[in-house]
Amino acid sequence: MTLTSPRELRPWRPLAADVPSLTDRHGLFHVELARSQGAASPHDVGLEMEAQLSWMTDAGLRPGALDSHSGVLYSHRGGPLMDTALRFCAENSLGFRLPRRLPRLLDVTVRGPLRRRYDEAVAAAGAYGVRLPESIIGAWLPGRLLTGYAQLRRNVLSQLRSLPDGVSELIVHPAPAAAAGLLDRAEGRKRMWELRLLQDPLFLRAIRSERIQLVPAW
């Protein structure tokens, strides 16, 4: 579900009509995450989620789970959008891309209100019967903090080797040079490294040696 415009491309419009809390005065999604989260009303979010899901089903697509572009629905700053998303998933038999367990780095650093909101969301998903991945792993450091491809690969392999039982997801944003060139230099370079990772013999051997079974969806 997309409720924000990208920084590197032309801005996007909602599919639903009359959702003013999601848009600027030109009828376009906001770029800033804080603006999107702070202004969005649950009613408008619900209308837009319905419109986007209808667009997908009309196109013959059958999504198994809901993801939130830029994390708007995760309600990092509080508010009711997470519950809106979970209810929508329950009503439409969708999973939700929220890890049942936080990555190790986040598990030791996420505290206070943010941790309470996360724990409440996991509990609410269970109460609504919404499927969650057991964990989500990936190259979490921003591009500017990565010194090279070897660091990115080492970080992902470490997480791969400590996966819990159950179905987990590896999230990457692989991109060839032509697409990466549209982004900030450091982030574009990171995305090219993520593409390289998926083809790396060492990465593929780690999947086999850890006896990880690849599945098309969770």
N, C-alpha and C. Protein backbone atom coordinates (compact mmCIF):
# COMPACT_ATOMS: atom_id res chain seq x y z
N MET A 1 0.85 -1.19 0.00
CA MET A 1 0.00 0.00 0.00
C MET A 1 0.88 1.24 0.00
N THR A 2 0.63 2.10 -0.95
CA THR A 2 1.44 3.30 -1.12
C THR A 2 0.64 4.52 -0.71
N LEU A 3 1.16 5.24 0.26
CA LEU A 3 0.50 6.45 0.75
C LEU A 3 1.44 7.66 0.73
N THR A 4 2.62 7.49 0.12
CA THR A 4 3.57 8.59 -0.01
C THR A 4 4.10 8.63 -1.44
N SER A 5 4.60 9.77 -1.84
CA SER A 5 5.26 9.91 -3.13
C SER A 5 6.75 9.64 -2.97
N PRO A 6 7.41 9.14 -4.02
CA PRO A 6 8.85 8.90 -3.95
C PRO A 6 9.63 10.20 -4.09
N ARG A 7 10.83 10.22 -3.57
CA ARG A 7 11.68 11.41 -3.70
C ARG A 7 12.32 11.47 -5.08
N GLU A 8 12.61 10.31 -5.67
CA GLU A 8 13.43 10.27 -6.88
C GLU A 8 12.61 10.25 -8.18
N LEU A 9 11.27 10.16 -8.06
CA LEU A 9 10.41 10.11 -9.23
C LEU A 9 9.34 11.21 -9.16
N ARG A 10 8.54 11.30 -10.19
CA ARG A 10 7.43 12.26 -10.16
C ARG A 10 6.42 11.82 -9.10
N PRO A 11 5.75 12.77 -8.44
CA PRO A 11 4.82 12.41 -7.36
C PRO A 11 3.64 11.59 -7.86
N TRP A 12 3.06 10.82 -6.94
CA TRP A 12 1.95 9.93 -7.25
C TRP A 12 0.64 10.48 -6.70
N ARG A 13 -0.45 10.03 -7.30
CA ARG A 13 -1.80 10.38 -6.86
C ARG A 13 -2.49 9.16 -6.26
N PRO A 14 -3.43 9.37 -5.35
CA PRO A 14 -4.20 8.24 -4.83
C PRO A 14 -5.13 7.68 -5.90
N LEU A 15 -5.55 6.44 -5.72
CA LEU A 15 -6.53 5.84 -6.61
C LEU A 15 -7.96 6.15 -6.17
N ALA A 16 -8.14 6.37 -4.87
CA ALA A 16 -9.46 6.68 -4.35
C ALA A 16 -9.79 8.16 -4.57
N ALA A 17 -11.07 8.44 -4.71
CA ALA A 17 -11.51 9.84 -4.84
C ALA A 17 -11.80 10.41 -3.45
N ASP A 18 -11.54 11.69 -3.30
CA ASP A 18 -11.89 12.41 -2.08
C ASP A 18 -11.25 11.82 -0.83
N VAL A 19 -9.90 11.83 -0.81
CA VAL A 19 -9.15 11.42 0.38
C VAL A 19 -8.20 12.57 0.74
N PRO A 20 -8.74 13.73 1.13
CA PRO A 20 -7.92 14.94 1.29
C PRO A 20 -6.84 14.84 2.35
N SER A 21 -7.02 14.00 3.36
CA SER A 21 -5.99 13.94 4.41
C SER A 21 -4.72 13.25 3.93
N LEU A 22 -4.77 12.63 2.74
CA LEU A 22 -3.60 11.92 2.22
C LEU A 22 -2.80 12.74 1.22
N THR A 23 -3.32 13.90 0.84
CA THR A 23 -2.71 14.62 -0.28
C THR A 23 -2.42 16.08 0.04
N ASP A 24 -1.60 16.68 -0.84
CA ASP A 24 -1.33 18.11 -0.73
C ASP A 24 -2.38 18.88 -1.53
N ARG A 25 -2.20 20.16 -1.69
CA ARG A 25 -3.22 20.99 -2.36
C ARG A 25 -3.33 20.68 -3.85
N HIS A 26 -2.35 19.93 -4.39
CA HIS A 26 -2.39 19.53 -5.80
C HIS A 26 -2.99 18.13 -5.98
N GLY A 27 -3.43 17.53 -4.89
CA GLY A 27 -4.00 16.20 -4.98
C GLY A 27 -2.97 15.10 -5.07
N LEU A 28 -1.73 15.37 -4.66
CA LEU A 28 -0.62 14.41 -4.73
C LEU A 28 -0.26 13.91 -3.34
N PHE A 29 0.21 12.67 -3.27
CA PHE A 29 0.70 12.16 -2.00
C PHE A 29 1.87 13.01 -1.51
N HIS A 30 1.98 13.18 -0.20
CA HIS A 30 3.13 13.86 0.39
C HIS A 30 4.39 13.01 0.21
N VAL A 31 5.52 13.66 0.18
CA VAL A 31 6.80 12.96 0.13
C VAL A 31 7.28 12.62 1.53
N GLU A 32 7.11 13.54 2.47
CA GLU A 32 7.64 13.36 3.82
C GLU A 32 6.81 12.35 4.60
N LEU A 33 7.49 11.38 5.20
CA LEU A 33 6.82 10.34 5.98
C LEU A 33 6.05 10.94 7.15
N ALA A 34 6.66 11.87 7.87
CA ALA A 34 6.01 12.46 9.04
C ALA A 34 4.72 13.17 8.64
N ARG A 35 4.73 13.84 7.51
CA ARG A 35 3.53 14.54 7.03
C ARG A 35 2.44 13.53 6.71
N SER A 36 2.82 12.45 6.05
CA SER A 36 1.84 11.43 5.67
C SER A 36 1.22 10.78 6.90
N GLN A 37 2.05 10.42 7.87
CA GLN A 37 1.54 9.78 9.08
C GLN A 37 0.71 10.72 9.92
N GLY A 38 1.17 11.95 10.04
CA GLY A 38 0.50 12.88 10.94
C GLY A 38 -0.85 13.35 10.43
N ALA A 39 -0.99 13.48 9.11
CA ALA A 39 -2.23 14.04 8.55
C ALA A 39 -3.27 12.99 8.20
N ALA A 40 -2.84 11.78 7.90
CA ALA A 40 -3.74 10.76 7.35
C ALA A 40 -4.82 10.35 8.35
N SER A 41 -6.06 10.35 7.89
CA SER A 41 -7.16 9.88 8.73
C SER A 41 -7.41 8.40 8.44
N PRO A 42 -7.78 7.61 9.46
CA PRO A 42 -8.08 6.20 9.22
C PRO A 42 -9.13 5.98 8.14
N HIS A 43 -10.12 6.87 8.07
CA HIS A 43 -11.18 6.74 7.06
C HIS A 43 -10.59 6.83 5.65
N ASP A 44 -9.76 7.85 5.42
CA ASP A 44 -9.16 8.03 4.09
C ASP A 44 -8.19 6.91 3.78
N VAL A 45 -7.44 6.48 4.76
CA VAL A 45 -6.52 5.36 4.55
C VAL A 45 -7.28 4.10 4.15
N GLY A 46 -8.41 3.86 4.83
CA GLY A 46 -9.22 2.70 4.49
C GLY A 46 -9.74 2.76 3.06
N LEU A 47 -10.20 3.94 2.63
CA LEU A 47 -10.68 4.09 1.26
C LEU A 47 -9.57 3.83 0.25
N GLU A 48 -8.39 4.36 0.52
CA GLU A 48 -7.29 4.20 -0.42
C GLU A 48 -6.80 2.75 -0.46
N MET A 49 -6.77 2.07 0.67
CA MET A 49 -6.37 0.67 0.67
C MET A 49 -7.36 -0.17 -0.13
N GLU A 50 -8.65 0.11 0.03
CA GLU A 50 -9.67 -0.60 -0.76
C GLU A 50 -9.46 -0.35 -2.25
N ALA A 51 -9.17 0.90 -2.61
CA ALA A 51 -8.99 1.24 -4.03
C ALA A 51 -7.77 0.54 -4.61
N GLN A 52 -6.68 0.50 -3.85
CA GLN A 52 -5.47 -0.14 -4.36
C GLN A 52 -5.63 -1.66 -4.46
N LEU A 53 -6.30 -2.25 -3.48
CA LEU A 53 -6.53 -3.70 -3.55
C LEU A 53 -7.47 -4.03 -4.71
N SER A 54 -8.48 -3.22 -4.94
CA SER A 54 -9.39 -3.44 -6.07
C SER A 54 -8.65 -3.33 -7.39
N TRP A 55 -7.75 -2.35 -7.49
CA TRP A 55 -6.96 -2.21 -8.72
C TRP A 55 -6.15 -3.47 -8.98
N MET A 56 -5.57 -4.04 -7.93
CA MET A 56 -4.77 -5.26 -8.10
C MET A 56 -5.63 -6.44 -8.51
N THR A 57 -6.76 -6.63 -7.85
CA THR A 57 -7.60 -7.78 -8.18
C THR A 57 -8.21 -7.64 -9.58
N ASP A 58 -8.54 -6.41 -9.98
CA ASP A 58 -9.04 -6.19 -11.34
C ASP A 58 -7.98 -6.53 -12.39
N ALA A 59 -6.70 -6.37 -12.00
CA ALA A 59 -5.59 -6.69 -12.91
C ALA A 59 -5.23 -8.17 -12.87
N GLY A 60 -5.97 -8.96 -12.09
CA GLY A 60 -5.71 -10.39 -12.02
C GLY A 60 -4.65 -10.76 -11.00
N LEU A 61 -4.28 -9.83 -10.13
CA LEU A 61 -3.26 -10.08 -9.11
C LEU A 61 -3.94 -10.49 -7.81
N ARG A 62 -3.33 -11.43 -7.10
CA ARG A 62 -3.90 -11.92 -5.85
C ARG A 62 -2.85 -11.83 -4.75
N PRO A 63 -2.68 -10.66 -4.16
CA PRO A 63 -1.66 -10.51 -3.12
C PRO A 63 -1.96 -11.36 -1.90
N GLY A 64 -0.90 -11.90 -1.30
CA GLY A 64 -1.08 -12.71 -0.10
C GLY A 64 -0.89 -11.91 1.17
N ALA A 65 -0.23 -10.76 1.07
CA ALA A 65 0.07 -9.97 2.27
C ALA A 65 0.17 -8.50 1.90
N LEU A 66 0.02 -7.67 2.92
CA LEU A 66 0.07 -6.23 2.75
C LEU A 66 1.42 -5.70 3.23
N ASP A 67 2.00 -4.82 2.44
CA ASP A 67 3.23 -4.13 2.81
C ASP A 67 2.93 -2.64 2.81
N SER A 68 3.73 -1.87 3.50
CA SER A 68 3.50 -0.43 3.61
C SER A 68 4.71 0.32 3.06
N HIS A 69 4.54 0.92 1.88
CA HIS A 69 5.63 1.70 1.30
C HIS A 69 6.05 2.83 2.23
N SER A 70 7.33 2.90 2.50
CA SER A 70 7.90 3.91 3.42
C SER A 70 7.45 3.74 4.86
N GLY A 71 6.72 2.67 5.15
CA GLY A 71 6.36 2.38 6.54
C GLY A 71 5.27 3.26 7.13
N VAL A 72 4.46 3.92 6.28
CA VAL A 72 3.46 4.84 6.80
C VAL A 72 2.50 4.14 7.77
N LEU A 73 2.07 2.93 7.43
CA LEU A 73 1.07 2.24 8.24
C LEU A 73 1.60 1.72 9.57
N TYR A 74 2.92 1.74 9.75
CA TYR A 74 3.47 1.21 11.00
C TYR A 74 3.30 2.17 12.17
N SER A 75 2.85 3.38 11.89
CA SER A 75 2.53 4.34 12.96
C SER A 75 3.70 4.55 13.92
N HIS A 76 4.89 4.81 13.36
CA HIS A 76 6.06 5.04 14.20
C HIS A 76 5.83 6.15 15.22
N ARG A 77 5.02 7.12 14.86
CA ARG A 77 4.78 8.27 15.75
C ARG A 77 3.48 8.13 16.54
N GLY A 78 2.94 6.93 16.56
CA GLY A 78 1.69 6.70 17.26
C GLY A 78 0.51 6.87 16.31
N GLY A 79 -0.68 6.78 16.85
CA GLY A 79 -1.87 6.94 16.02
C GLY A 79 -2.48 5.61 15.64
N PRO A 80 -3.63 5.67 14.98
CA PRO A 80 -4.44 4.47 14.75
C PRO A 80 -4.18 3.74 13.44
N LEU A 81 -3.18 4.15 12.64
CA LEU A 81 -3.06 3.57 11.31
C LEU A 81 -2.68 2.09 11.34
N MET A 82 -1.90 1.67 12.32
CA MET A 82 -1.54 0.26 12.41
C MET A 82 -2.78 -0.59 12.61
N ASP A 83 -3.65 -0.17 13.51
CA ASP A 83 -4.87 -0.94 13.74
C ASP A 83 -5.76 -0.93 12.50
N THR A 84 -5.80 0.19 11.80
CA THR A 84 -6.56 0.27 10.55
C THR A 84 -6.03 -0.75 9.55
N ALA A 85 -4.71 -0.85 9.45
CA ALA A 85 -4.09 -1.79 8.52
C ALA A 85 -4.38 -3.23 8.92
N LEU A 86 -4.27 -3.55 10.20
CA LEU A 86 -4.50 -4.92 10.65
C LEU A 86 -5.95 -5.34 10.46
N ARG A 87 -6.88 -4.44 10.72
CA ARG A 87 -8.30 -4.76 10.49
C ARG A 87 -8.55 -5.00 9.00
N PHE A 88 -7.93 -4.18 8.16
CA PHE A 88 -8.07 -4.36 6.72
C PHE A 88 -7.53 -5.72 6.29
N CYS A 89 -6.39 -6.10 6.84
CA CYS A 89 -5.82 -7.41 6.51
C CYS A 89 -6.75 -8.54 6.94
N ALA A 90 -7.30 -8.43 8.13
CA ALA A 90 -8.20 -9.47 8.63
C ALA A 90 -9.43 -9.59 7.75
N GLU A 91 -9.98 -8.45 7.33
CA GLU A 91 -11.18 -8.46 6.50
C GLU A 91 -10.94 -9.01 5.11
N ASN A 92 -9.69 -8.91 4.63
CA ASN A 92 -9.37 -9.33 3.26
C ASN A 92 -8.45 -10.55 3.20
N SER A 93 -8.30 -11.24 4.33
CA SER A 93 -7.49 -12.47 4.39
C SER A 93 -6.06 -12.24 3.90
N LEU A 94 -5.46 -11.14 4.33
CA LEU A 94 -4.10 -10.79 3.97
C LEU A 94 -3.18 -10.93 5.18
N GLY A 95 -1.95 -11.37 4.93
CA GLY A 95 -0.94 -11.26 5.96
C GLY A 95 -0.46 -9.81 6.03
N PHE A 96 0.39 -9.51 7.01
CA PHE A 96 0.93 -8.16 7.15
C PHE A 96 2.42 -8.23 7.37
N ARG A 97 3.15 -7.36 6.69
CA ARG A 97 4.61 -7.42 6.73
C ARG A 97 5.13 -6.73 7.99
N LEU A 98 4.93 -7.39 9.10
CA LEU A 98 5.43 -6.95 10.39
C LEU A 98 6.08 -8.17 11.04
N PRO A 99 7.36 -8.13 11.39
CA PRO A 99 8.00 -9.33 11.95
C PRO A 99 7.48 -9.65 13.35
N ARG A 100 7.25 -10.92 13.57
CA ARG A 100 6.84 -11.34 14.91
C ARG A 100 7.98 -11.13 15.90
N ARG A 101 9.20 -11.19 15.40
CA ARG A 101 10.39 -10.93 16.23
C ARG A 101 11.21 -9.85 15.55
N LEU A 102 11.68 -8.89 16.32
CA LEU A 102 12.52 -7.84 15.77
C LEU A 102 13.91 -8.38 15.47
N PRO A 103 14.59 -7.84 14.43
CA PRO A 103 15.98 -8.19 14.21
C PRO A 103 16.81 -7.90 15.47
N ARG A 104 17.87 -8.64 15.67
CA ARG A 104 18.65 -8.55 16.90
C ARG A 104 19.09 -7.12 17.20
N LEU A 105 19.52 -6.39 16.17
CA LEU A 105 19.99 -5.02 16.38
C LEU A 105 18.86 -4.14 16.91
N LEU A 106 17.65 -4.30 16.34
CA LEU A 106 16.52 -3.49 16.79
C LEU A 106 15.98 -3.97 18.13
N ASP A 107 16.07 -5.26 18.38
CA ASP A 107 15.50 -5.81 19.60
C ASP A 107 16.15 -5.22 20.85
N VAL A 108 17.42 -4.87 20.74
CA VAL A 108 18.13 -4.33 21.91
C VAL A 108 18.08 -2.80 21.97
N THR A 109 17.60 -2.18 20.89
CA THR A 109 17.60 -0.71 20.86
C THR A 109 16.21 -0.09 20.91
N VAL A 110 15.19 -0.82 20.46
CA VAL A 110 13.83 -0.28 20.44
C VAL A 110 13.24 -0.38 21.84
N ARG A 111 12.99 0.75 22.44
CA ARG A 111 12.48 0.81 23.81
C ARG A 111 11.40 1.89 23.92
N GLY A 112 10.78 1.98 25.10
CA GLY A 112 9.82 3.04 25.37
C GLY A 112 8.54 2.90 24.57
N PRO A 113 7.93 4.05 24.19
CA PRO A 113 6.64 4.02 23.49
C PRO A 113 6.68 3.23 22.18
N LEU A 114 7.81 3.33 21.45
CA LEU A 114 7.91 2.62 20.18
C LEU A 114 7.85 1.11 20.41
N ARG A 115 8.52 0.63 21.45
CA ARG A 115 8.48 -0.80 21.75
C ARG A 115 7.07 -1.23 22.17
N ARG A 116 6.41 -0.39 22.94
CA ARG A 116 5.05 -0.73 23.35
C ARG A 116 4.12 -0.81 22.14
N ARG A 117 4.28 0.11 21.19
CA ARG A 117 3.43 0.08 20.00
C ARG A 117 3.70 -1.17 19.17
N TYR A 118 4.96 -1.55 19.10
CA TYR A 118 5.30 -2.78 18.36
C TYR A 118 4.68 -4.00 19.02
N ASP A 119 4.85 -4.13 20.34
CA ASP A 119 4.29 -5.29 21.05
C ASP A 119 2.77 -5.33 20.94
N GLU A 120 2.14 -4.16 21.01
CA GLU A 120 0.68 -4.11 20.87
C GLU A 120 0.25 -4.52 19.47
N ALA A 121 1.02 -4.15 18.45
CA ALA A 121 0.67 -4.51 17.07
C ALA A 121 0.78 -6.01 16.86
N VAL A 122 1.83 -6.63 17.39
CA VAL A 122 1.98 -8.09 17.25
C VAL A 122 0.82 -8.79 17.96
N ALA A 123 0.47 -8.31 19.15
CA ALA A 123 -0.65 -8.91 19.88
C ALA A 123 -1.97 -8.72 19.12
N ALA A 124 -2.18 -7.53 18.54
CA ALA A 124 -3.40 -7.27 17.79
C ALA A 124 -3.50 -8.16 16.56
N ALA A 125 -2.37 -8.37 15.89
CA ALA A 125 -2.36 -9.26 14.73
C ALA A 125 -2.81 -10.66 15.13
N GLY A 126 -2.32 -11.13 16.27
CA GLY A 126 -2.74 -12.43 16.76
C GLY A 126 -4.23 -12.47 17.07
N ALA A 127 -4.74 -11.41 17.68
CA ALA A 127 -6.16 -11.36 18.02
C ALA A 127 -7.04 -11.32 16.78
N TYR A 128 -6.57 -10.65 15.71
CA TYR A 128 -7.35 -10.55 14.48
C TYR A 128 -7.14 -11.76 13.56
N GLY A 129 -6.17 -12.61 13.90
CA GLY A 129 -5.87 -13.76 13.04
C GLY A 129 -5.10 -13.39 11.78
N VAL A 130 -4.27 -12.34 11.86
CA VAL A 130 -3.49 -11.89 10.71
C VAL A 130 -2.11 -12.54 10.74
N ARG A 131 -1.73 -13.16 9.64
CA ARG A 131 -0.44 -13.83 9.54
C ARG A 131 0.71 -12.80 9.53
N LEU A 132 1.78 -13.12 10.23
CA LEU A 132 2.99 -12.31 10.24
C LEU A 132 4.18 -13.19 9.89
N PRO A 133 5.21 -12.64 9.25
CA PRO A 133 6.44 -13.41 9.09
C PRO A 133 7.14 -13.53 10.45
N GLU A 134 7.83 -14.63 10.66
CA GLU A 134 8.50 -14.82 11.95
C GLU A 134 9.55 -13.73 12.18
N SER A 135 10.30 -13.45 11.14
CA SER A 135 11.29 -12.37 11.23
C SER A 135 11.50 -11.78 9.85
N ILE A 136 12.10 -10.62 9.80
CA ILE A 136 12.48 -9.98 8.53
C ILE A 136 13.95 -9.60 8.66
N ILE A 137 14.76 -10.04 7.71
CA ILE A 137 16.18 -9.72 7.74
C ILE A 137 16.53 -8.93 6.48
N GLY A 138 17.66 -8.23 6.53
CA GLY A 138 18.09 -7.46 5.37
C GLY A 138 19.31 -6.63 5.70
N ALA A 139 19.72 -5.83 4.75
CA ALA A 139 20.86 -4.92 4.94
C ALA A 139 20.31 -3.63 5.52
N TRP A 140 20.27 -3.54 6.85
CA TRP A 140 19.56 -2.45 7.50
C TRP A 140 20.32 -1.13 7.51
N LEU A 141 21.63 -1.17 7.41
CA LEU A 141 22.39 0.08 7.45
C LEU A 141 22.11 0.92 6.20
N PRO A 142 21.96 2.23 6.35
CA PRO A 142 21.82 3.08 5.16
C PRO A 142 23.09 3.06 4.33
N GLY A 143 22.95 3.38 3.06
CA GLY A 143 24.09 3.30 2.15
C GLY A 143 25.29 4.10 2.60
N ARG A 144 25.07 5.25 3.21
CA ARG A 144 26.19 6.12 3.59
C ARG A 144 27.05 5.50 4.70
N LEU A 145 26.51 4.50 5.43
CA LEU A 145 27.27 3.87 6.51
C LEU A 145 27.91 2.56 6.10
N LEU A 146 27.72 2.14 4.86
CA LEU A 146 28.32 0.91 4.38
C LEU A 146 29.67 1.22 3.73
N THR A 147 30.70 0.55 4.19
CA THR A 147 32.04 0.79 3.66
C THR A 147 32.32 0.01 2.40
N GLY A 148 31.55 -1.05 2.13
CA GLY A 148 31.78 -1.84 0.94
C GLY A 148 30.83 -3.02 0.85
N TYR A 149 30.89 -3.72 -0.26
CA TYR A 149 30.01 -4.86 -0.47
C TYR A 149 30.24 -5.95 0.56
N ALA A 150 31.48 -6.18 0.94
CA ALA A 150 31.78 -7.25 1.90
C ALA A 150 31.08 -7.02 3.22
N GLN A 151 30.97 -5.77 3.65
CA GLN A 151 30.27 -5.46 4.90
C GLN A 151 28.79 -5.79 4.78
N LEU A 152 28.17 -5.41 3.67
CA LEU A 152 26.75 -5.70 3.47
C LEU A 152 26.51 -7.21 3.46
N ARG A 153 27.36 -7.95 2.74
CA ARG A 153 27.19 -9.41 2.66
C ARG A 153 27.38 -10.06 4.02
N ARG A 154 28.39 -9.62 4.75
CA ARG A 154 28.66 -10.19 6.07
C ARG A 154 27.47 -9.97 7.01
N ASN A 155 26.89 -8.79 6.95
CA ASN A 155 25.76 -8.47 7.81
C ASN A 155 24.55 -9.36 7.50
N VAL A 156 24.25 -9.55 6.22
CA VAL A 156 23.10 -10.37 5.84
C VAL A 156 23.35 -11.84 6.16
N LEU A 157 24.55 -12.33 5.90
CA LEU A 157 24.85 -13.74 6.18
C LEU A 157 24.75 -14.03 7.68
N SER A 158 25.15 -13.09 8.51
CA SER A 158 25.05 -13.28 9.95
C SER A 158 23.59 -13.46 10.37
N GLN A 159 22.71 -12.65 9.80
CA GLN A 159 21.28 -12.78 10.11
C GLN A 159 20.71 -14.08 9.55
N LEU A 160 21.17 -14.45 8.38
CA LEU A 160 20.69 -15.67 7.73
C LEU A 160 20.99 -16.89 8.59
N ARG A 161 22.14 -16.88 9.25
CA ARG A 161 22.57 -18.03 10.03
C ARG A 161 21.92 -18.09 11.41
N SER A 162 21.16 -17.07 11.77
CA SER A 162 20.50 -17.08 13.07
C SER A 162 18.99 -16.95 12.96
N LEU A 163 18.44 -17.38 11.83
CA LEU A 163 16.99 -17.31 11.64
C LEU A 163 16.27 -18.23 12.61
N PRO A 164 15.15 -17.80 13.15
CA PRO A 164 14.34 -18.68 14.00
C PRO A 164 13.57 -19.67 13.13
N ASP A 165 12.98 -20.67 13.77
CA ASP A 165 12.09 -21.57 13.05
C ASP A 165 10.89 -20.79 12.53
N GLY A 166 10.32 -21.27 11.44
CA GLY A 166 9.17 -20.59 10.86
C GLY A 166 9.52 -19.91 9.56
N VAL A 167 8.57 -19.16 9.01
CA VAL A 167 8.75 -18.51 7.72
C VAL A 167 9.19 -17.06 7.94
N SER A 168 10.34 -16.72 7.40
CA SER A 168 10.88 -15.37 7.51
C SER A 168 11.07 -14.77 6.13
N GLU A 169 11.36 -13.50 6.08
CA GLU A 169 11.52 -12.81 4.81
C GLU A 169 12.84 -12.06 4.76
N LEU A 170 13.51 -12.16 3.63
CA LEU A 170 14.68 -11.34 3.34
C LEU A 170 14.22 -10.17 2.48
N ILE A 171 14.43 -8.96 2.97
CA ILE A 171 14.03 -7.77 2.21
C ILE A 171 15.26 -7.09 1.63
N VAL A 172 15.27 -6.93 0.32
CA VAL A 172 16.34 -6.20 -0.36
C VAL A 172 15.70 -5.36 -1.46
N HIS A 173 16.44 -4.37 -1.95
CA HIS A 173 15.97 -3.51 -3.03
C HIS A 173 16.99 -3.59 -4.17
N PRO A 174 17.11 -4.75 -4.83
CA PRO A 174 18.13 -4.90 -5.86
C PRO A 174 17.85 -4.03 -7.08
N ALA A 175 18.90 -3.42 -7.61
CA ALA A 175 18.72 -2.55 -8.77
C ALA A 175 19.97 -2.58 -9.64
N PRO A 176 19.79 -2.61 -10.96
CA PRO A 176 20.94 -2.47 -11.86
C PRO A 176 21.40 -1.02 -11.88
N ALA A 177 22.54 -0.80 -12.48
CA ALA A 177 23.15 0.53 -12.45
C ALA A 177 22.23 1.61 -13.01
N ALA A 178 21.50 1.29 -14.08
CA ALA A 178 20.65 2.31 -14.72
C ALA A 178 19.58 2.81 -13.76
N ALA A 179 18.97 1.90 -13.00
CA ALA A 179 17.94 2.31 -12.05
C ALA A 179 18.56 2.94 -10.81
N ALA A 180 19.68 2.39 -10.34
CA ALA A 180 20.33 2.92 -9.15
C ALA A 180 20.79 4.36 -9.37
N GLY A 181 21.06 4.71 -10.62
CA GLY A 181 21.51 6.06 -10.92
C GLY A 181 20.47 7.13 -10.66
N LEU A 182 19.21 6.74 -10.48
CA LEU A 182 18.15 7.70 -10.17
C LEU A 182 18.16 8.12 -8.71
N LEU A 183 18.90 7.37 -7.88
CA LEU A 183 18.88 7.57 -6.44
C LEU A 183 20.08 8.37 -5.96
N ASP A 184 20.03 8.72 -4.68
CA ASP A 184 21.22 9.24 -4.01
C ASP A 184 22.38 8.28 -4.26
N ARG A 185 23.59 8.80 -4.42
CA ARG A 185 24.73 7.98 -4.83
C ARG A 185 24.97 6.80 -3.89
N ALA A 186 24.94 7.05 -2.58
CA ALA A 186 25.21 5.99 -1.61
C ALA A 186 24.11 4.94 -1.62
N GLU A 187 22.85 5.37 -1.72
CA GLU A 187 21.74 4.42 -1.73
C GLU A 187 21.70 3.64 -3.04
N GLY A 188 22.02 4.30 -4.14
CA GLY A 188 22.08 3.60 -5.42
C GLY A 188 23.15 2.52 -5.42
N ARG A 189 24.30 2.85 -4.86
CA ARG A 189 25.39 1.86 -4.76
C ARG A 189 24.96 0.68 -3.90
N LYS A 190 24.26 0.95 -2.80
CA LYS A 190 23.79 -0.13 -1.93
C LYS A 190 22.85 -1.06 -2.69
N ARG A 191 21.98 -0.51 -3.49
CA ARG A 191 21.02 -1.34 -4.22
C ARG A 191 21.72 -2.20 -5.29
N MET A 192 22.78 -1.69 -5.87
CA MET A 192 23.56 -2.52 -6.80
C MET A 192 24.24 -3.66 -6.04
N TRP A 193 24.71 -3.38 -4.83
CA TRP A 193 25.31 -4.43 -4.01
C TRP A 193 24.27 -5.48 -3.62
N GLU A 194 23.05 -5.06 -3.37
CA GLU A 194 22.00 -6.02 -3.01
C GLU A 194 21.67 -6.93 -4.20
N LEU A 195 21.71 -6.39 -5.40
CA LEU A 195 21.53 -7.22 -6.60
C LEU A 195 22.68 -8.22 -6.71
N ARG A 196 23.87 -7.76 -6.46
CA ARG A 196 25.06 -8.65 -6.48
C ARG A 196 24.93 -9.75 -5.43
N LEU A 197 24.40 -9.41 -4.25
CA LEU A 197 24.26 -10.38 -3.18
C LEU A 197 23.41 -11.57 -3.61
N LEU A 198 22.28 -11.30 -4.27
CA LEU A 198 21.35 -12.36 -4.64
C LEU A 198 21.96 -13.34 -5.64
N GLN A 199 23.05 -12.94 -6.29
CA GLN A 199 23.72 -13.81 -7.26
C GLN A 199 25.06 -14.34 -6.73
N ASP A 200 25.38 -14.01 -5.50
CA ASP A 200 26.68 -14.35 -4.92
C ASP A 200 26.73 -15.83 -4.53
N PRO A 201 27.69 -16.60 -5.03
CA PRO A 201 27.79 -18.02 -4.68
C PRO A 201 27.88 -18.26 -3.18
N LEU A 202 28.55 -17.37 -2.45
CA LEU A 202 28.66 -17.53 -1.01
C LEU A 202 27.28 -17.40 -0.34
N PHE A 203 26.48 -16.47 -0.79
CA PHE A 203 25.12 -16.30 -0.28
C PHE A 203 24.27 -17.54 -0.58
N LEU A 204 24.36 -18.04 -1.79
CA LEU A 204 23.58 -19.22 -2.19
C LEU A 204 24.02 -20.46 -1.43
N ARG A 205 25.33 -20.58 -1.17
CA ARG A 205 25.83 -21.72 -0.39
C ARG A 205 25.34 -21.64 1.04
N ALA A 206 25.26 -20.42 1.59
CA ALA A 206 24.79 -20.26 2.96
C ALA A 206 23.34 -20.72 3.10
N ILE A 207 22.53 -20.42 2.11
CA ILE A 207 21.13 -20.87 2.14
C ILE A 207 21.08 -22.40 2.18
N ARG A 208 21.91 -23.04 1.37
CA ARG A 208 21.91 -24.50 1.34
C ARG A 208 22.46 -25.08 2.64
N SER A 209 23.56 -24.53 3.12
CA SER A 209 24.20 -25.09 4.32
C SER A 209 23.35 -24.90 5.56
N GLU A 210 22.54 -23.85 5.61
CA GLU A 210 21.64 -23.62 6.74
C GLU A 210 20.32 -24.37 6.58
N ARG A 211 20.19 -25.10 5.48
CA ARG A 211 18.98 -25.88 5.19
C ARG A 211 17.72 -25.01 5.21
N ILE A 212 17.88 -23.87 4.56
CA ILE A 212 16.76 -22.95 4.44
C ILE A 212 15.98 -23.29 3.17
N GLN A 213 14.70 -23.49 3.32
CA GLN A 213 13.83 -23.79 2.19
C GLN A 213 13.24 -22.50 1.67
N LEU A 214 13.40 -22.23 0.37
CA LEU A 214 12.86 -21.04 -0.23
C LEU A 214 11.39 -21.28 -0.61
N VAL A 215 10.54 -20.36 -0.22
CA VAL A 215 9.11 -20.48 -0.52
C VAL A 215 8.65 -19.22 -1.25
N PRO A 216 7.60 -19.31 -2.08
CA PRO A 216 7.19 -18.15 -2.87
C PRO A 216 6.48 -17.08 -2.05
N ALA A 217 5.95 -17.42 -0.89
CA ALA A 217 5.22 -16.44 -0.08
C ALA A 217 5.09 -16.98 1.33
N TRP A 218 4.69 -16.13 2.25
CA TRP A 218 4.42 -16.57 3.62
C TRP A 218 2.96 -16.33 3.97
